Protein backbone atom coordinates (compact mmCIF):
# COMPACT_ATOMS: atom_id res chain seq x y z
CA MET A 1 15.73 18.83 -1.00
CA ARG A 2 15.90 15.11 0.77
CA LEU A 3 12.34 13.38 1.07
CA LEU A 4 11.20 10.07 2.53
CA LEU A 5 8.37 7.73 3.16
CA ILE A 6 8.73 5.87 6.33
CA GLY A 7 6.87 2.64 7.48
CA TYR A 8 7.04 -1.03 7.48
CA PRO A 9 6.75 -3.05 5.56
CA LEU A 10 6.94 -1.06 2.34
CA GLY A 11 7.10 -3.25 -0.27
CA HIS A 12 6.75 -1.81 -3.73
CA SER A 13 5.23 1.65 -2.58
CA MET A 14 4.24 3.69 -5.63
CA SER A 15 5.14 6.84 -3.77
CA PRO A 16 8.25 7.35 -5.05
CA TRP A 17 7.25 7.36 -8.62
CA ILE A 18 4.53 9.46 -7.92
CA HIS A 19 6.86 12.24 -6.14
CA GLN A 20 9.31 12.00 -9.20
CA GLN A 21 6.81 12.79 -11.20
CA PHE A 22 6.12 15.85 -9.30
CA ILE A 23 9.64 16.91 -8.72
CA SER A 24 9.78 16.45 -12.46
CA GLN A 25 6.68 18.96 -13.14
CA HIS A 26 8.35 21.57 -10.73
CA GLN A 27 11.99 21.23 -12.09
CA LEU A 28 13.23 20.83 -8.44
CA ASN A 29 16.58 19.50 -7.43
CA ALA A 30 15.10 17.03 -4.98
CA SER A 31 14.63 13.08 -3.80
CA TYR A 32 12.16 11.12 -2.88
CA HIS A 33 13.05 7.33 -1.39
CA LEU A 34 11.74 4.99 0.90
CA LYS A 35 12.85 3.99 4.68
CA GLU A 36 11.64 0.56 5.81
CA ILE A 37 11.74 0.94 9.46
CA LYS A 38 11.57 -2.31 11.56
CA PRO A 39 9.49 -1.76 14.76
CA ASP A 40 12.53 -2.23 17.06
CA GLN A 41 14.41 0.01 15.17
CA PHE A 42 11.83 2.80 15.13
CA ALA A 43 13.49 5.28 18.11
CA GLN A 44 17.06 4.90 17.19
CA THR A 45 16.11 5.36 13.34
CA ILE A 46 14.33 8.52 13.81
CA ALA A 47 16.98 10.11 15.97
CA ALA A 48 19.41 10.05 13.61
CA LEU A 49 16.83 11.12 10.92
CA LYS A 50 16.51 14.32 13.43
CA GLN A 51 20.26 14.88 13.18
CA SER A 52 20.35 13.68 9.22
CA GLY A 53 19.13 17.29 7.93
CA ILE A 54 15.98 15.61 6.16
CA ASP A 55 13.17 18.37 4.78
CA GLY A 56 9.98 16.20 5.16
CA PHE A 57 8.99 12.54 5.17
CA ASN A 58 5.62 10.70 4.65
CA VAL A 59 4.06 8.25 7.54
CA THR A 60 2.55 5.17 6.76
CA ILE A 61 1.57 2.35 8.97
CA PRO A 62 2.16 1.20 11.53
CA TYR A 63 3.89 4.57 12.66
CA LYS A 64 1.00 7.37 12.16
CA GLU A 65 0.56 7.55 15.39
CA LYS A 66 3.79 6.71 16.95
CA ILE A 67 5.39 9.79 15.37
CA ILE A 68 3.72 11.92 17.27
CA ASP A 69 5.93 11.66 20.45
CA TYR A 70 8.87 12.82 18.18
CA LEU A 71 7.33 16.10 16.45
CA ASP A 72 7.76 19.50 17.60
CA ASP A 73 4.37 20.79 16.68
CA MET A 74 0.73 19.50 14.81
CA ASP A 75 -1.77 21.31 12.91
CA GLU A 76 -5.68 21.17 14.21
CA THR A 77 -6.23 18.31 11.71
CA ALA A 78 -3.34 16.01 12.68
CA LYS A 79 -4.37 16.55 16.41
CA ARG A 80 -7.77 15.86 16.03
CA ILE A 81 -7.38 12.84 13.75
CA GLY A 82 -4.72 11.63 16.25
CA ALA A 83 -2.68 10.27 13.17
CA VAL A 84 0.02 12.18 11.24
CA ASN A 85 1.27 11.43 7.67
CA THR A 86 3.03 14.05 6.67
CA VAL A 87 6.01 15.52 8.70
CA VAL A 88 7.78 18.80 7.29
CA CYS A 89 11.31 19.49 8.61
CA LYS A 90 12.41 22.95 8.98
CA ASP A 91 14.45 25.15 11.01
CA GLY A 92 15.17 22.45 12.91
CA LYS A 93 11.38 22.05 13.87
CA TRP A 94 9.49 18.74 12.97
CA SER A 95 5.75 19.94 11.88
CA GLY A 96 2.80 16.62 11.78
CA TYR A 97 0.11 17.09 9.37
CA ASN A 98 -2.58 14.67 8.17
CA THR A 99 -3.61 15.29 3.84
CA ASP A 100 -5.40 11.73 3.84
CA GLY A 101 -8.96 13.15 4.55
CA ALA A 102 -8.76 15.91 2.50
CA GLY A 103 -6.79 14.24 -0.50
CA TYR A 104 -9.66 11.76 -0.66
CA LEU A 105 -12.10 14.61 -0.67
CA ALA A 106 -10.23 16.47 -3.49
CA SER A 107 -10.52 12.87 -5.44
CA LEU A 108 -14.29 12.63 -4.68
CA LYS A 109 -15.04 16.16 -6.19
CA GLN A 110 -12.82 15.90 -9.02
CA HIS A 111 -15.38 12.88 -10.07
CA PHE A 112 -18.57 13.94 -8.16
CA PRO A 113 -18.24 17.57 -7.96
CA ASP A 114 -21.73 17.59 -6.63
CA ALA A 115 -21.92 14.61 -4.59
CA LEU A 116 -21.97 16.73 -1.34
CA HIS A 117 -24.64 19.06 -0.48
CA SER A 118 -27.17 19.52 2.64
CA ASP A 119 -29.28 16.62 1.36
CA THR A 120 -26.62 14.00 1.39
CA ARG A 121 -26.83 11.30 3.48
CA ILE A 122 -23.36 9.80 3.71
CA LEU A 123 -22.75 5.66 5.47
CA ILE A 124 -19.21 5.49 6.37
CA ILE A 125 -18.25 1.63 6.41
CA GLY A 126 -15.54 1.44 8.64
CA ALA A 127 -14.10 3.01 12.23
CA GLY A 128 -10.05 2.66 11.77
CA GLY A 129 -7.39 5.29 10.70
CA ALA A 130 -8.65 5.56 7.28
CA SER A 131 -12.14 6.22 8.07
CA ARG A 132 -11.01 9.09 10.59
CA GLY A 133 -9.28 11.40 8.20
CA ILE A 134 -12.28 10.70 5.84
CA VAL A 135 -15.08 11.61 8.56
CA PHE A 136 -12.68 14.65 9.90
CA ALA A 137 -12.79 15.97 6.13
CA LEU A 138 -16.53 15.57 5.46
CA LEU A 139 -16.95 17.61 9.07
CA ASN A 140 -16.27 20.64 6.96
CA GLU A 141 -18.73 19.71 4.22
CA PRO A 142 -22.52 20.02 3.71
CA PHE A 143 -24.26 16.87 4.29
CA GLN A 144 -27.94 16.35 5.67
CA SER A 145 -26.90 13.16 7.72
CA LEU A 146 -23.54 10.98 8.07
CA THR A 147 -24.04 7.31 9.87
CA VAL A 148 -21.13 5.30 10.53
CA THR A 149 -21.04 1.33 10.21
CA ASN A 150 -18.52 -1.23 11.53
CA ARG A 151 -18.30 -4.95 12.51
CA THR A 152 -17.34 -3.77 15.95
CA GLU A 153 -20.19 -1.20 16.81
CA ALA A 154 -18.18 0.15 19.68
CA ARG A 155 -15.16 1.24 17.81
CA ALA A 156 -17.64 3.07 15.51
CA GLN A 157 -19.88 4.44 18.50
CA THR A 158 -16.32 5.79 20.08
CA LEU A 159 -15.15 7.60 16.83
CA VAL A 160 -18.71 9.47 16.59
CA GLU A 161 -17.82 10.56 20.05
CA GLN A 162 -14.79 11.71 19.73
CA LEU A 163 -15.91 13.62 16.77
CA GLU A 164 -17.59 16.01 19.34
CA SER A 165 -19.89 17.19 16.34
CA ASP A 166 -23.45 18.61 16.86
CA ARG A 167 -24.26 17.44 13.18
CA LEU A 168 -26.43 14.38 12.63
CA ILE A 169 -24.41 11.33 12.91
CA THR A 170 -25.22 8.18 14.17
CA VAL A 171 -24.25 4.57 14.57
CA GLN A 172 -25.57 1.49 12.96
CA SER A 173 -24.48 -2.26 12.76
CA ILE A 174 -23.75 -3.65 9.56
CA THR A 175 -27.20 -5.59 9.64
CA GLU A 176 -28.89 -2.58 10.08
CA ALA A 177 -27.10 -0.69 7.29
CA GLU A 178 -27.28 -3.12 4.77
CA HIS A 179 -31.34 -3.01 5.54
CA ASN A 180 -31.35 0.91 5.17
CA LEU A 181 -28.76 1.02 2.26
CA LYS A 182 -31.71 2.50 0.10
CA LYS A 183 -31.69 5.68 2.37
CA PHE A 184 -28.01 6.69 1.64
CA ASP A 185 -26.57 8.64 -1.40
CA LEU A 186 -23.15 8.36 -0.79
CA ILE A 187 -21.70 5.23 0.52
CA ILE A 188 -17.58 4.95 1.34
CA ASN A 189 -15.99 1.67 2.30
CA THR A 190 -13.04 2.62 4.53
CA THR A 191 -11.63 -0.58 5.33
CA SER A 192 -9.35 -3.05 3.66
CA VAL A 193 -12.13 -5.36 2.66
CA GLY A 194 -12.04 -6.65 -0.44
CA MET A 195 -8.26 -5.87 -0.92
CA ASP A 196 -6.03 -8.62 -2.91
CA PRO A 197 -5.59 -11.25 -1.64
CA GLN A 198 -9.02 -11.57 -0.18
CA SER A 199 -10.69 -9.71 -3.67
CA ASP A 200 -14.03 -12.02 -3.65
CA GLU A 201 -14.84 -10.27 -0.05
CA LEU A 202 -17.18 -7.24 0.54
CA PRO A 203 -17.63 -5.13 3.23
CA LEU A 204 -21.45 -5.25 3.27
CA ASP A 205 -24.39 -6.50 1.37
CA LEU A 206 -25.66 -4.00 -1.57
CA ALA A 207 -28.74 -5.58 -2.55
CA GLN A 208 -30.59 -2.38 -1.25
CA LEU A 209 -28.69 -0.56 -2.92
CA GLN A 210 -30.51 2.87 -4.20
CA PRO A 211 -29.43 3.17 -7.94
CA GLN A 212 -27.49 6.48 -9.00
CA ALA A 213 -26.11 6.31 -5.58
CA ILE A 214 -22.08 6.81 -5.27
CA VAL A 215 -20.67 4.03 -3.74
CA SER A 216 -16.83 4.60 -3.20
CA ASP A 217 -13.98 2.17 -2.46
CA ILE A 218 -10.54 3.21 -1.00
CA VAL A 219 -9.23 -0.14 -1.72
CA TYR A 220 -7.40 -0.17 -5.08
CA LYS A 221 -5.92 -3.89 -5.34
CA PRO A 222 -7.58 -4.50 -7.44
CA LEU A 223 -8.42 -1.09 -8.88
CA LYS A 224 -12.06 -2.62 -9.40
CA THR A 225 -13.28 -4.05 -6.65
CA LYS A 226 -15.73 -6.75 -6.25
CA PHE A 227 -17.62 -4.13 -3.74
CA LEU A 228 -17.58 -1.72 -7.19
CA THR A 229 -18.35 -4.20 -9.61
CA GLU A 230 -21.70 -5.14 -7.60
CA ALA A 231 -22.28 -0.94 -7.27
CA GLU A 232 -22.00 -0.77 -10.74
CA SER A 233 -24.28 -3.83 -11.98
CA ILE A 234 -27.29 -2.42 -9.43
CA GLY A 235 -26.86 1.08 -11.14
CA GLY A 236 -25.06 2.64 -8.63
CA GLN A 237 -22.19 5.35 -9.56
CA ILE A 238 -18.69 4.17 -8.75
CA HIS A 239 -15.53 6.05 -7.52
CA TYR A 240 -12.00 4.38 -7.35
CA GLY A 241 -9.93 4.31 -4.51
CA HIS A 242 -6.65 4.76 -6.10
CA GLU A 243 -6.66 8.57 -6.83
CA MET A 244 -7.01 9.33 -2.99
CA LEU A 245 -3.01 8.15 -2.81
CA ILE A 246 -1.87 10.58 -5.41
CA ASN A 247 -4.01 13.42 -4.40
CA GLN A 248 -2.95 13.19 -0.37
CA ALA A 249 0.44 13.09 -2.07
CA LYS A 250 0.03 16.30 -3.69
CA LEU A 251 -0.91 18.38 -0.57
CA SER A 252 2.29 16.52 1.12
CA PHE A 253 4.05 18.12 -1.71
CA GLN A 254 2.44 21.24 -1.57
CA LEU A 255 3.47 21.51 2.51
CA TRP A 256 7.31 20.59 1.63
CA THR A 257 7.64 22.77 -1.37
CA GLY A 258 4.78 25.91 -1.75
CA LYS A 259 4.44 23.91 -5.28
CA ILE A 260 0.91 22.96 -6.84
CA THR A 261 1.13 20.49 -8.98
CA ASP A 262 -1.08 19.44 -11.91
CA LEU A 263 -2.29 15.89 -11.75
CA THR A 264 -4.14 15.90 -15.55
CA PRO A 265 -0.83 14.77 -17.12
CA ILE A 266 0.32 12.09 -14.60
CA LEU A 267 -3.07 10.36 -13.73
CA PRO A 268 -3.35 8.16 -16.78
CA GLU A 269 0.19 6.74 -16.50
CA TYR A 270 -0.63 6.61 -12.47
CA THR A 271 -3.71 4.67 -13.41
CA LYS A 272 -2.07 2.33 -15.55
CA LYS A 273 0.55 1.28 -13.07
CA ILE A 274 -1.71 0.78 -10.75
CA LYS A 275 -3.71 -1.80 -12.29
CA LEU A 276 -0.32 -3.38 -13.38
CA LYS A 277 0.54 -3.72 -9.88
């Protein structure tokens, strides 16, 4: 079985190491490699991949939307999100999926199994691709209300309108969200604000955070962002971002192989590697 990650640039991706752990756990004859594709070579490279007999691949930036034109079908989640991070190649057909949101939720529930219930008030920071995946996944979960805040309010409004949901979903400006922070039980940063090398930045001010609120950050470089550090100092419960990656990888691997991976023996070494990156 031959598996890939396509994107540009790929740098020092953890995906090959992660999938090698999965392959070893299930004792499969398989490989997982990086394939960096420059934008001006995308069409010809994908055409070559179509002829290569590849079994599947992951897709990362900037191709999660561009790959859609080359697929034979997509599952409903990927269609609604409008982005694909996993492609299964079987019987000459390419099928697209998106495991980002489900991967995030799996990680959240592992650490906070009671985080989502009928009284949970959620604040989502950001309205980009990561936000879309997480918000769509949350629509299948219990919550009282969900608010999206973004530096560009219009983009947050567009996201909410595209959800076409009858749930209580609203938009607030960053300033409004900061002022109303005490009203939220779960706050999720889906932006890249606070990522190295701009690790001293905050996506929003946490001064009004209610103690015991769960603050989650999908940024994992550094592992403990300034956002999480400040939340913890105020009395918030914190949720790290690095396990979203390994959980979405687990779901991709299951789509390709049918195998369900136990992350327990892998997580300590994975976390150590993330800290060193």
